[in-house]
PDB file of N, CA and C in Angstrom:
ATOM      1  N   UNK A   1     -91.018  58.727   1.288  1.00  0.00           N
ATOM      2  CA  UNK A   1     -92.907  58.190   1.593  1.00  0.00           C
ATOM      3  C   UNK A   1     -92.803  57.441   3.030  1.00  0.00           C
ATOM      4  N   UNK A   2     -91.816  56.845   3.324  1.00  0.00           N
ATOM      5  CA  UNK A   2     -91.564  56.344   4.672  1.00  0.00           C
ATOM      6  C   UNK A   2     -91.499  57.301   5.873  1.00  0.00           C
ATOM      7  N   UNK A   3     -91.215  58.440   5.502  1.00  0.00           N
ATOM      8  CA  UNK A   3     -91.322  59.591   6.717  1.00  0.00           C
ATOM      9  C   UNK A   3     -92.680  59.971   6.657  1.00  0.00           C
ATOM     10  N   UNK A   4     -93.287  60.051   5.750  1.00  0.00           N
ATOM     11  CA  UNK A   4     -94.703  60.510   5.645  1.00  0.00           C
ATOM     12  C   UNK A   4     -95.580  59.640   6.494  1.00  0.00           C
ATOM     13  N   UNK A   5     -95.469  58.123   5.976  1.00  0.00           N
ATOM     14  CA  UNK A   5     -95.862  57.146   6.805  1.00  0.00           C
ATOM     15  C   UNK A   5     -95.930  57.156   8.256  1.00  0.00           C
ATOM     16  N   UNK A   6     -94.810  57.244   8.764  1.00  0.00           N
ATOM     17  CA  UNK A   6     -94.554  57.197   9.967  1.00  0.00           C
ATOM     18  C   UNK A   6     -95.195  58.542  10.810  1.00  0.00           C
ATOM     19  N   UNK A   7     -94.897  59.667  10.023  1.00  0.00           N
ATOM     20  CA  UNK A   7     -95.718  60.701  10.679  1.00  0.00           C
ATOM     21  C   UNK A   7     -97.371  60.629  10.859  1.00  0.00           C
ATOM     22  N   UNK A   8     -97.840  59.868  10.086  1.00  0.00           N
ATOM     23  CA  UNK A   8     -99.307  59.718  10.092  1.00  0.00           C
ATOM     24  C   UNK A   8     -99.756  58.707  11.015  1.00  0.00           C
ATOM     25  N   UNK A   9     -98.696  58.023  11.663  1.00  0.00           N
ATOM     26  CA  UNK A   9     -99.109  57.035  12.764  1.00  0.00           C
ATOM     27  C   UNK A   9     -98.397  57.345  14.002  1.00  0.00           C
ATOM     28  N   UNK A  10     -97.311  58.294  13.980  1.00  0.00           N
ATOM     29  CA  UNK A  10     -96.489  58.125  15.480  1.00  0.00           C
ATOM     30  C   UNK A  10     -96.691  59.811  15.486  1.00  0.00           C
ATOM     31  N   UNK A  11     -96.715  60.090  16.727  1.00  0.00           N
ATOM     32  CA  UNK A  11     -96.204  61.555  16.859  1.00  0.00           C
ATOM     33  C   UNK A  11     -97.496  62.420  17.394  1.00  0.00           C
ATOM     34  N   UNK A  12     -97.456  63.706  17.272  1.00  0.00           N
ATOM     35  CA  UNK A  12     -98.465  64.585  17.371  1.00  0.00           C
ATOM     36  C   UNK A  12     -99.393  64.814  16.417  1.00  0.00           C
ATOM     37  N   UNK A  13    -100.896  65.064  16.594  1.00  0.00           N
ATOM     38  CA  UNK A  13    -101.323  65.479  15.448  1.00  0.00           C
ATOM     39  C   UNK A  13    -102.698  66.134  15.933  1.00  0.00           C
ATOM     40  N   UNK A  14    -103.056  67.037  15.480  1.00  0.00           N
ATOM     41  CA  UNK A  14    -104.262  67.932  15.890  1.00  0.00           C
ATOM     42  C   UNK A  14    -105.050  68.662  15.014  1.00  0.00           C
ATOM     43  N   UNK A  15    -106.099  69.246  15.442  1.00  0.00           N
ATOM     44  CA  UNK A  15    -107.056  70.534  14.552  1.00  0.00           C
ATOM     45  C   UNK A  15    -107.163  71.564  15.242  1.00  0.00           C
ATOM     46  N   UNK A  16    -106.920  72.502  14.322  1.00  0.00           N
ATOM     47  CA  UNK A  16    -107.156  74.142  14.587  1.00  0.00           C
ATOM     48  C   UNK A  16    -108.438  74.363  14.154  1.00  0.00           C
ATOM     49  N   UNK A  17    -109.506  74.965  15.043  1.00  0.00           N
ATOM     50  CA  UNK A  17    -110.595  75.534  14.859  1.00  0.00           C
ATOM     51  C   UNK A  17    -110.672  77.178  15.323  1.00  0.00           C
ATOM     52  N   UNK A  18    -110.753  77.953  14.282  1.00  0.00           N
ATOM     53  CA  UNK A  18    -111.284  79.360  14.757  1.00  0.00           C
ATOM     54  C   UNK A  18    -112.533  79.389  15.218  1.00  0.00           C
ATOM     55  N   UNK A  19    -112.750  79.723  16.529  1.00  0.00           N
ATOM     56  CA  UNK A  19    -114.177  79.787  17.112  1.00  0.00           C
ATOM     57  C   UNK A  19    -114.834  81.035  16.952  1.00  0.00           C
ATOM     58  N   UNK A  20    -114.198  82.310  16.998  1.00  0.00           N
ATOM     59  CA  UNK A  20    -114.602  83.744  17.072  1.00  0.00           C
ATOM     60  C   UNK A  20    -113.678  84.550  16.662  1.00  0.00           C
ATOM     61  N   UNK A  21    -114.086  85.829  15.834  1.00  0.00           N
ATOM     62  CA  UNK A  21    -112.967  86.791  15.842  1.00  0.00           C
ATOM     63  C   UNK A  21    -113.426  88.463  15.974  1.00  0.00           C
ATOM     64  N   UNK A  22    -113.347  88.781  16.711  1.00  0.00           N
ATOM     65  CA  UNK A  22    -113.301  90.335  16.586  1.00  0.00           C
ATOM     66  C   UNK A  22    -112.602  91.123  16.418  1.00  0.00           C
ATOM     67  N   UNK A  23    -112.639  92.590  16.207  1.00  0.00           N
ATOM     68  CA  UNK A  23    -111.558  93.431  15.818  1.00  0.00           C
ATOM     69  C   UNK A  23    -110.112  93.336  16.598  1.00  0.00           C
ATOM     70  N   UNK A  24    -110.065  93.246  18.056  1.00  0.00           N
ATOM     71  CA  UNK A  24    -108.930  93.158  18.647  1.00  0.00           C
ATOM     72  C   UNK A  24    -108.864  91.904  19.456  1.00  0.00           C
ATOM     73  N   UNK A  25    -109.734  91.017  19.531  1.00  0.00           N
ATOM     74  CA  UNK A  25    -109.761  89.597  20.243  1.00  0.00           C
ATOM     75  C   UNK A  25    -110.183  88.580  19.177  1.00  0.00           C
ATOM     76  N   UNK A  26    -109.907  87.530  19.710  1.00  0.00           N
ATOM     77  CA  UNK A  26    -110.219  86.146  19.123  1.00  0.00           C
ATOM     78  C   UNK A  26    -110.066  84.869  19.812  1.00  0.00           C
ATOM     79  N   UNK A  27    -110.873  83.774  19.544  1.00  0.00           N
ATOM     80  CA  UNK A  27    -110.447  82.787  19.909  1.00  0.00           C
ATOM     81  C   UNK A  27    -110.430  81.407  18.943  1.00  0.00           C
ATOM     82  N   UNK A  28    -109.601  80.342  19.593  1.00  0.00           N
ATOM     83  CA  UNK A  28    -109.443  79.185  18.615  1.00  0.00           C
ATOM     84  C   UNK A  28    -109.172  77.974  19.667  1.00  0.00           C
ATOM     85  N   UNK A  29    -109.620  76.801  19.233  1.00  0.00           N
ATOM     86  CA  UNK A  29    -109.224  75.758  19.633  1.00  0.00           C
ATOM     87  C   UNK A  29    -108.467  74.827  19.104  1.00  0.00           C
ATOM     88  N   UNK A  30    -107.643  74.242  19.737  1.00  0.00           N
ATOM     89  CA  UNK A  30    -106.612  72.875  19.403  1.00  0.00           C
ATOM     90  C   UNK A  30    -106.884  72.035  19.967  1.00  0.00           C
ATOM     91  N   UNK A  31    -107.786  70.744  19.128  1.00  0.00           N
ATOM     92  CA  UNK A  31    -108.034  68.986  19.929  1.00  0.00           C
ATOM     93  C   UNK A  31    -106.499  68.532  19.339  1.00  0.00           C
ATOM     94  N   UNK A  32    -105.612  68.148  20.329  1.00  0.00           N
ATOM     95  CA  UNK A  32    -104.567  67.470  20.155  1.00  0.00           C
ATOM     96  C   UNK A  32    -104.528  66.131  20.511  1.00  0.00           C
ATOM     97  N   UNK A  33    -103.704  65.261  20.036  1.00  0.00           N
ATOM     98  CA  UNK A  33    -103.633  63.878  20.451  1.00  0.00           C
ATOM     99  C   UNK A  33    -102.073  63.148  19.931  1.00  0.00           C
ATOM    100  N   UNK A  34    -101.605  62.611  20.727  1.00  0.00           N
ATOM    101  CA  UNK A  34    -100.553  61.813  20.661  1.00  0.00           C
ATOM    102  C   UNK A  34    -100.927  60.240  20.195  1.00  0.00           C
ATOM    103  N   UNK A  35    -100.135  59.626  19.243  1.00  0.00           N
ATOM    104  CA  UNK A  35    -100.272  58.618  18.847  1.00  0.00           C
ATOM    105  C   UNK A  35    -101.535  58.242  18.062  1.00  0.00           C
ATOM    106  N   UNK A  36    -102.849  58.072  18.757  1.00  0.00           N
ATOM    107  CA  UNK A  36    -104.151  57.898  18.138  1.00  0.00           C
ATOM    108  C   UNK A  36    -104.957  58.948  18.615  1.00  0.00           C
ATOM    109  N   UNK A  37    -106.352  59.157  18.105  1.00  0.00           N
ATOM    110  CA  UNK A  37    -107.256  60.346  18.141  1.00  0.00           C
ATOM    111  C   UNK A  37    -107.908  59.608  19.206  1.00  0.00           C
ATOM    112  N   UNK A  38    -108.044  58.733  19.807  1.00  0.00           N
ATOM    113  CA  UNK A  38    -108.857  58.387  21.180  1.00  0.00           C
ATOM    114  C   UNK A  38    -108.257  58.946  22.268  1.00  0.00           C
ATOM    115  N   UNK A  39    -106.894  59.551  22.296  1.00  0.00           N
ATOM    116  CA  UNK A  39    -106.406  60.158  23.619  1.00  0.00           C
ATOM    117  C   UNK A  39    -106.112  61.525  23.273  1.00  0.00           C
ATOM    118  N   UNK A  40    -106.972  62.296  23.216  1.00  0.00           N
ATOM    119  CA  UNK A  40    -106.872  63.775  22.850  1.00  0.00           C
ATOM    120  C   UNK A  40    -107.365  64.529  24.053  1.00  0.00           C
ATOM    121  N   UNK A  41    -106.573  65.842  23.848  1.00  0.00           N
ATOM    122  CA  UNK A  41    -107.160  66.708  24.770  1.00  0.00           C
ATOM    123  C   UNK A  41    -107.520  68.207  23.935  1.00  0.00           C
ATOM    124  N   UNK A  42    -108.320  69.084  24.486  1.00  0.00           N
ATOM    125  CA  UNK A  42    -108.627  70.335  23.898  1.00  0.00           C
ATOM    126  C   UNK A  42    -108.317  71.495  24.485  1.00  0.00           C
ATOM    127  N   UNK A  43    -107.478  72.308  23.898  1.00  0.00           N
ATOM    128  CA  UNK A  43    -107.516  73.489  24.363  1.00  0.00           C
ATOM    129  C   UNK A  43    -107.645  74.730  23.655  1.00  0.00           C
ATOM    130  N   UNK A  44    -108.355  75.605  24.626  1.00  0.00           N
ATOM    131  CA  UNK A  44    -109.136  76.770  24.045  1.00  0.00           C
ATOM    132  C   UNK A  44    -107.976  77.824  24.566  1.00  0.00           C
ATOM    133  N   UNK A  45    -107.694  78.782  23.280  1.00  0.00           N
ATOM    134  CA  UNK A  45    -106.918  79.840  23.200  1.00  0.00           C
ATOM    135  C   UNK A  45    -107.636  81.038  22.805  1.00  0.00           C
ATOM    136  N   UNK A  46    -107.521  81.980  23.854  1.00  0.00           N
ATOM    137  CA  UNK A  46    -108.020  83.650  23.692  1.00  0.00           C
ATOM    138  C   UNK A  46    -106.499  83.970  22.936  1.00  0.00           C
ATOM    139  N   UNK A  47    -106.995  85.009  21.958  1.00  0.00           N
ATOM    140  CA  UNK A  47    -105.921  85.728  21.314  1.00  0.00           C
ATOM    141  C   UNK A  47    -106.326  87.535  21.594  1.00  0.00           C
ATOM    142  N   UNK A  48    -105.368  88.149  21.610  1.00  0.00           N
ATOM    143  CA  UNK A  48    -105.497  89.733  21.710  1.00  0.00           C
ATOM    144  C   UNK A  48    -104.524  90.006  20.410  1.00  0.00           C
ATOM    145  N   UNK A  49    -104.989  91.245  20.070  1.00  0.00           N
ATOM    146  CA  UNK A  49    -104.179  91.802  19.175  1.00  0.00           C
ATOM    147  C   UNK A  49    -102.815  92.377  19.554  1.00  0.00           C
ATOM    148  N   UNK A  50    -102.720  92.910  20.727  1.00  0.00           N
ATOM    149  CA  UNK A  50    -101.450  93.402  21.110  1.00  0.00           C
ATOM    150  C   UNK A  50    -100.857  94.259  20.125  1.00  0.00           C
ATOM    151  N   UNK A  51     -99.276  94.016  19.696  1.00  0.00           N
ATOM    152  CA  UNK A  51     -98.633  94.749  19.054  1.00  0.00           C
ATOM    153  C   UNK A  51     -98.462  94.294  17.646  1.00  0.00           C
ATOM    154  N   UNK A  52     -99.696  93.248  17.353  1.00  0.00           N
ATOM    155  CA  UNK A  52     -99.596  92.800  16.137  1.00  0.00           C
ATOM    156  C   UNK A  52    -100.501  93.687  14.924  1.00  0.00           C
ATOM    157  N   UNK A  53    -100.100  93.432  13.730  1.00  0.00           N
ATOM    158  CA  UNK A  53    -100.830  94.516  12.727  1.00  0.00           C
ATOM    159  C   UNK A  53    -102.283  94.102  12.743  1.00  0.00           C
ATOM    160  N   UNK A  54    -102.629  92.826  12.974  1.00  0.00           N
ATOM    161  CA  UNK A  54    -103.963  92.523  12.561  1.00  0.00           C
ATOM    162  C   UNK A  54    -104.363  91.365  13.696  1.00  0.00           C
ATOM    163  N   UNK A  55    -105.671  91.099  13.731  1.00  0.00           N
ATOM    164  CA  UNK A  55    -106.088  90.070  14.655  1.00  0.00           C
ATOM    165  C   UNK A  55    -105.685  88.618  13.995  1.00  0.00           C
ATOM    166  N   UNK A  56    -105.806  88.685  12.585  1.00  0.00           N
ATOM    167  CA  UNK A  56    -105.494  87.332  11.922  1.00  0.00           C
ATOM    168  C   UNK A  56    -103.779  87.171  12.142  1.00  0.00           C
ATOM    169  N   UNK A  57    -102.794  88.150  12.005  1.00  0.00           N
ATOM    170  CA  UNK A  57    -101.510  87.756  12.342  1.00  0.00           C
ATOM    171  C   UNK A  57    -101.206  87.441  13.432  1.00  0.00           C
ATOM    172  N   UNK A  58    -102.032  87.903  14.636  1.00  0.00           N
ATOM    173  CA  UNK A  58    -101.991  87.760  16.061  1.00  0.00           C
ATOM    174  C   UNK A  58    -102.445  86.011  16.176  1.00  0.00           C
ATOM    175  N   UNK A  59    -103.586  85.546  15.867  1.00  0.00           N
ATOM    176  CA  UNK A  59    -104.003  84.034  15.850  1.00  0.00           C
ATOM    177  C   UNK A  59    -103.018  83.363  15.141  1.00  0.00           C
ATOM    178  N   UNK A  60    -102.500  83.587  13.667  1.00  0.00           N
ATOM    179  CA  UNK A  60    -101.166  82.597  13.332  1.00  0.00           C
ATOM    180  C   UNK A  60    -100.038  82.550  14.174  1.00  0.00           C
ATOM    181  N   UNK A  61     -99.543  83.916  14.828  1.00  0.00           N
ATOM    182  CA  UNK A  61     -98.526  83.779  15.553  1.00  0.00           C
ATOM    183  C   UNK A  61     -98.715  82.986  16.858  1.00  0.00           C
ATOM    184  N   UNK A  62    -100.085  82.750  17.292  1.00  0.00           N
ATOM    185  CA  UNK A  62    -100.491  81.880  18.516  1.00  0.00           C
ATOM    186  C   UNK A  62    -100.368  80.622  18.179  1.00  0.00           C
ATOM    187  N   UNK A  63    -100.739  80.426  17.079  1.00  0.00           N
ATOM    188  CA  UNK A  63    -100.643  78.647  16.557  1.00  0.00           C
ATOM    189  C   UNK A  63     -99.395  78.592  16.023  1.00  0.00           C
ATOM    190  N   UNK A  64     -98.460  79.276  15.614  1.00  0.00           N
ATOM    191  CA  UNK A  64     -97.230  78.879  15.204  1.00  0.00           C
ATOM    192  C   UNK A  64     -96.336  78.622  16.996  1.00  0.00           C
ATOM    193  N   UNK A  65     -96.842  79.229  18.176  1.00  0.00           N
ATOM    194  CA  UNK A  65     -96.248  78.978  19.325  1.00  0.00           C
ATOM    195  C   UNK A  65     -96.381  77.535  19.808  1.00  0.00           C
ATOM    196  N   UNK A  66     -98.135  77.096  19.604  1.00  0.00           N
ATOM    197  CA  UNK A  66     -98.533  76.108  20.008  1.00  0.00           C
ATOM    198  C   UNK A  66     -97.653  74.697  19.179  1.00  0.00           C
ATOM    199  N   UNK A  67     -97.689  75.232  17.559  1.00  0.00           N
ATOM    200  CA  UNK A  67     -97.040  74.198  16.848  1.00  0.00           C
ATOM    201  C   UNK A  67     -95.897  73.914  17.252  1.00  0.00           C
ATOM    202  N   UNK A  68     -94.847  74.854  17.898  1.00  0.00           N
ATOM    203  CA  UNK A  68     -93.442  74.964  18.244  1.00  0.00           C
ATOM    204  C   UNK A  68     -92.950  74.176  19.614  1.00  0.00           C
ATOM    205  N   UNK A  69     -94.428  73.752  20.183  1.00  0.00           N
ATOM    206  CA  UNK A  69     -94.365  73.081  21.394  1.00  0.00           C
ATOM    207  C   UNK A  69     -94.139  71.418  21.370  1.00  0.00           C
ATOM    208  N   UNK A  70     -94.268  71.185  19.897  1.00  0.00           N
ATOM    209  CA  UNK A  70     -94.312  69.676  19.590  1.00  0.00           C
ATOM    210  C   UNK A  70     -93.460  69.614  18.248  1.00  0.00           C
ATOM    211  N   UNK A  71     -93.097  70.419  17.651  1.00  0.00           N
ATOM    212  CA  UNK A  71     -92.196  70.371  16.441  1.00  0.00           C
ATOM    213  C   UNK A  71     -90.973  71.454  16.599  1.00  0.00           C
ATOM    214  N   UNK A  72     -89.801  70.933  16.160  1.00  0.00           N
ATOM    215  CA  UNK A  72     -88.486  71.979  16.045  1.00  0.00           C
ATOM    216  C   UNK A  72     -88.094  72.009  14.711  1.00  0.00           C
ATOM    217  N   UNK A  73     -88.330  70.968  14.230  1.00  0.00           N
ATOM    218  CA  UNK A  73     -88.253  70.806  12.258  1.00  0.00           C
ATOM    219  C   UNK A  73     -89.291  70.895  11.786  1.00  0.00           C
ATOM    220  N   UNK A  74     -89.333  69.924  10.775  1.00  0.00           N
ATOM    221  CA  UNK A  74     -90.395  69.784   9.533  1.00  0.00           C
ATOM    222  C   UNK A  74     -91.576  69.003  10.193  1.00  0.00           C
ATOM    223  N   UNK A  75     -92.891  69.320   9.588  1.00  0.00           N
ATOM    224  CA  UNK A  75     -94.203  68.555  10.189  1.00  0.00           C
ATOM    225  C   UNK A  75     -94.915  68.376   8.893  1.00  0.00           C
ATOM    226  N   UNK A  76     -96.036  67.651   8.769  1.00  0.00           N
ATOM    227  CA  UNK A  76     -96.570  67.663   7.867  1.00  0.00           C
ATOM    228  C   UNK A  76     -98.217  68.276   8.276  1.00  0.00           C
ATOM    229  N   UNK A  77     -98.644  68.897   7.306  1.00  0.00           N
ATOM    230  CA  UNK A  77     -99.895  69.916   7.285  1.00  0.00           C
ATOM    231  C   UNK A  77    -100.816  69.148   6.371  1.00  0.00           C
ATOM    232  N   UNK A  78    -102.094  68.911   6.744  1.00  0.00           N
ATOM    233  CA  UNK A  78    -103.320  68.486   5.834  1.00  0.00           C
ATOM    234  C   UNK A  78    -103.926  69.587   5.439  1.00  0.00           C
ATOM    235  N   UNK A  79    -103.846  70.303   4.598  1.00  0.00           N
ATOM    236  CA  UNK A  79    -104.282  71.430   4.043  1.00  0.00           C
ATOM    237  C   UNK A  79    -105.641  71.451   3.137  1.00  0.00           C
ATOM    238  N   UNK A  80    -106.623  71.837   3.958  1.00  0.00           N
ATOM    239  CA  UNK A  80    -107.973  71.822   2.983  1.00  0.00           C
ATOM    240  C   UNK A  80    -108.132  72.649   1.917  1.00  0.00           C
ATOM    241  N   UNK A  81    -107.535  73.531   2.221  1.00  0.00           N
ATOM    242  CA  UNK A  81    -107.386  74.618   1.045  1.00  0.00           C
ATOM    243  C   UNK A  81    -106.689  74.013  -0.116  1.00  0.00           C
ATOM    244  N   UNK A  82    -105.548  73.489  -0.196  1.00  0.00           N
ATOM    245  CA  UNK A  82    -104.742  72.787  -1.239  1.00  0.00           C
ATOM    246  C   UNK A  82    -105.286  71.336  -1.449  1.00  0.00           C
ATOM    247  N   UNK A  83    -105.903  70.809  -0.783  1.00  0.00           N
ATOM    248  CA  UNK A  83    -106.486  69.471  -0.545  1.00  0.00           C
ATOM    249  C   UNK A  83    -105.469  68.188  -0.636  1.00  0.00           C
ATOM    250  N   UNK A  84    -104.468  68.673   0.094  1.00  0.00           N
ATOM    251  CA  UNK A  84    -103.091  67.808  -0.106  1.00  0.00           C
ATOM    252  C   UNK A  84    -102.286  67.860   1.517  1.00  0.00           C
ATOM    253  N   UNK A  85    -101.666  67.102   1.908  1.00  0.00           N
ATOM    254  CA  UNK A  85    -100.590  67.235   2.990  1.00  0.00           C
ATOM    255  C   UNK A  85     -99.321  67.861   2.534  1.00  0.00           C
ATOM    256  N   UNK A  86     -99.042  68.851   3.175  1.00  0.00           N
ATOM    257  CA  UNK A  86     -97.692  69.425   2.609  1.00  0.00           C
ATOM    258  C   UNK A  86     -96.442  69.386   3.803  1.00  0.00           C
ATOM    259  N   UNK A  87     -95.603  69.451   3.445  1.00  0.00           N
ATOM    260  CA  UNK A  87     -94.299  69.519   4.694  1.00  0.00           C
ATOM    261  C   UNK A  87     -94.187  71.019   5.091  1.00  0.00           C
ATOM    262  N   UNK A  88     -94.046  71.292   6.275  1.00  0.00           N
ATOM    263  CA  UNK A  88     -93.915  72.857   6.577  1.00  0.00           C
ATOM    264  C   UNK A  88     -92.810  72.773   7.508  1.00  0.00           C
ATOM    265  N   UNK A  89     -91.984  73.820   7.817  1.00  0.00           N
ATOM    266  CA  UNK A  89     -90.988  73.793   8.945  1.00  0.00           C
ATOM    267  C   UNK A  89     -91.575  74.895  10.278  1.00  0.00           C
ATOM    268  N   UNK A  90     -91.008  74.268  11.345  1.00  0.00           N
ATOM    269  CA  UNK A  90     -91.279  75.045  12.472  1.00  0.00           C
ATOM    270  C   UNK A  90     -90.186  75.722  12.980  1.00  0.00           C
ATOM    271  N   UNK A  91     -89.108  75.805  12.135  1.00  0.00           N
ATOM    272  CA  UNK A  91     -87.939  76.255  12.391  1.00  0.00           C
ATOM    273  C   UNK A  91     -87.783  78.071  12.453  1.00  0.00           C
ATOM    274  N   UNK A  92     -87.691  78.407  13.541  1.00  0.00           N
ATOM    275  CA  UNK A  92     -87.378  80.069  13.729  1.00  0.00           C
ATOM    276  C   UNK A  92     -87.038  80.547  12.393  1.00  0.00           C
ATOM    277  N   UNK A  93     -85.926  80.139  11.833  1.00  0.00           N
ATOM    278  CA  UNK A  93     -85.316  80.975  10.539  1.00  0.00           C
ATOM    279  C   UNK A  93     -86.227  80.863   9.499  1.00  0.00           C
ATOM    280  N   UNK A  94     -87.540  80.011   9.414  1.00  0.00           N
ATOM    281  CA  UNK A  94     -88.538  79.585   8.469  1.00  0.00           C
ATOM    282  C   UNK A  94     -89.781  80.174   8.774  1.00  0.00           C
ATOM    283  N   UNK A  95     -89.776  81.128   9.977  1.00  0.00           N
ATOM    284  CA  UNK A  95     -90.965  81.848  10.567  1.00  0.00           C
ATOM    285  C   UNK A  95     -92.011  82.718   9.294  1.00  0.00           C
ATOM    286  N   UNK A  96     -91.134  83.328   8.436  1.00  0.00           N
ATOM    287  CA  UNK A  96     -91.899  84.152   7.456  1.00  0.00           C
ATOM    288  C   UNK A  96     -92.739  83.314   6.539  1.00  0.00           C
ATOM    289  N   UNK A  97     -92.232  82.161   6.029  1.00  0.00           N
ATOM    290  CA  UNK A  97     -92.861  81.512   5.237  1.00  0.00           C
ATOM    291  C   UNK A  97     -93.874  80.669   5.956  1.00  0.00           C
ATOM    292  N   UNK A  98     -93.909  80.297   7.232  1.00  0.00           N
ATOM    293  CA  UNK A  98     -94.891  79.565   7.772  1.00  0.00           C
ATOM    294  C   UNK A  98     -95.982  80.416   8.018  1.00  0.00           C
ATOM    295  N   UNK A  99     -95.791  81.664   8.424  1.00  0.00           N
ATOM    296  CA  UNK A  99     -96.775  82.500   8.600  1.00  0.00           C
ATOM    297  C   UNK A  99     -97.406  82.889   7.462  1.00  0.00           C
ATOM    298  N   UNK A 100     -96.908  83.071   6.373  1.00  0.00           N
ATOM    299  CA  UNK A 100     -97.569  83.445   5.043  1.00  0.00           C
ATOM    300  C   UNK A 100     -98.254  82.370   4.682  1.00  0.00           C
ATOM    301  N   UNK A 101     -98.229  80.993   5.013  1.00  0.00           N
ATOM    302  CA  UNK A 101     -98.929  79.811   4.417  1.00  0.00           C
ATOM    303  C   UNK A 101    -100.005  79.858   5.334  1.00  0.00           C
ATOM    304  N   UNK A 102     -99.910  79.895   6.854  1.00  0.00           N
ATOM    305  CA  UNK A 102    -101.074  79.560   7.692  1.00  0.00           C
ATOM    306  C   UNK A 102    -102.089  80.789   7.537  1.00  0.00           C
ATOM    307  N   UNK A 103    -101.491  82.003   7.176  1.00  0.00           N
ATOM    308  CA  UNK A 103    -102.283  83.108   6.750  1.00  0.00           C
ATOM    309  C   UNK A 103    -103.114  82.944   5.383  1.00  0.00           C
ATOM    310  N   UNK A 104    -102.765  82.256   4.369  1.00  0.00           N
ATOM    311  CA  UNK A 104    -103.651  81.973   3.361  1.00  0.00           C
ATOM    312  C   UNK A 104    -104.271  80.941   3.802  1.00  0.00           C
ATOM    313  N   UNK A 105    -103.748  79.718   4.420  1.00  0.00           N
ATOM    314  CA  UNK A 105    -104.750  78.897   4.989  1.00  0.00           C
ATOM    315  C   UNK A 105    -105.962  79.175   5.825  1.00  0.00           C
ATOM    316  N   UNK A 106    -105.812  79.777   6.615  1.00  0.00           N
ATOM    317  CA  UNK A 106    -107.021  80.301   7.545  1.00  0.00           C
ATOM    318  C   UNK A 106    -107.979  81.651   7.030  1.00  0.00           C
ATOM    319  N   UNK A 107    -107.168  82.340   6.263  1.00  0.00           N
ATOM    320  CA  UNK A 107    -108.103  83.584   6.040  1.00  0.00           C
ATOM    321  C   UNK A 107    -108.049  83.886   4.346  1.00  0.00           C
ATOM    322  N   UNK A 108    -107.348  83.212   3.842  1.00  0.00           N
ATOM    323  CA  UNK A 108    -107.525  83.411   2.225  1.00  0.00           C
ATOM    324  C   UNK A 108    -108.903  82.849   1.865  1.00  0.00           C
ATOM    325  N   UNK A 109    -109.547  81.572   2.343  1.00  0.00           N
ATOM    326  CA  UNK A 109    -110.396  80.864   2.291  1.00  0.00           C
ATOM    327  C   UNK A 109    -111.024  80.104   3.716  1.00  0.00           C
ATOM    328  N   UNK A 110    -111.774  80.704   4.255  1.00  0.00           N
ATOM    329  CA  UNK A 110    -112.046  80.283   5.570  1.00  0.00           C
ATOM    330  C   UNK A 110    -112.570  78.821   5.876  1.00  0.00           C
ATOM    331  N   UNK A 111    -111.769  78.057   6.351  1.00  0.00           N
ATOM    332  CA  UNK A 111    -112.233  76.718   6.553  1.00  0.00           C
ATOM    333  C   UNK A 111    -112.656  76.554   8.112  1.00  0.00           C
ATOM    334  N   UNK A 112    -113.649  75.437   8.412  1.00  0.00           N
ATOM    335  CA  UNK A 112    -114.069  75.580   9.837  1.00  0.00           C
ATOM    336  C   UNK A 112    -113.038  74.620  10.561  1.00  0.00           C
ATOM    337  N   UNK A 113    -111.927  73.914  10.017  1.00  0.00           N
ATOM    338  CA  UNK A 113    -111.179  73.173  10.764  1.00  0.00           C
ATOM    339  C   UNK A 113    -109.977  72.913   9.840  1.00  0.00           C
ATOM    340  N   UNK A 114    -108.765  72.707  10.223  1.00  0.00           N
ATOM    341  CA  UNK A 114    -107.314  72.460   9.476  1.00  0.00           C
ATOM    342  C   UNK A 114    -106.410  71.566  10.390  1.00  0.00           C
ATOM    343  N   UNK A 115    -105.927  70.298   9.725  1.00  0.00           N
ATOM    344  CA  UNK A 115    -105.484  69.528  10.718  1.00  0.00           C
ATOM    345  C   UNK A 115    -103.839  69.765  10.642  1.00  0.00           C
ATOM    346  N   UNK A 116    -103.268  69.562  11.562  1.00  0.00           N
ATOM    347  CA  UNK A 116    -101.824  69.405  11.681  1.00  0.00           C
ATOM    348  C   UNK A 116    -101.486  68.145  11.914  1.00  0.00           C
ATOM    349  N   UNK A 117    -100.391  67.548  11.560  1.00  0.00           N
ATOM    350  CA  UNK A 117    -100.154  66.023  11.795  1.00  0.00           C
ATOM    351  C   UNK A 117     -98.265  66.292  11.992  1.00  0.00           C
TER     352      UNK A 117
END
């Protein structure tokens, strides 16, 4: 519980929002902040399908790249789909599970924004 409490008050937080999806391209934004939400920055990310099997997996892989800028191990994810905070791993060896979770989170039931802590 102490670790969850610390993660909610210190560190990097942010919200992903998918802005557009076409068959071969997409765009999403990441509004990130450190320590508190009054000090934020917004990134606009363009995604191309490239060699990925779908534009959805290309989006998720780009999101994982961004997550790994800030987290090397476990991090808290506020899931609107599950209506709770879950602990996920940004470790490369856990990539398959992280991709599967994010695919469900964003594309099983589309939500306008999802927060990472």
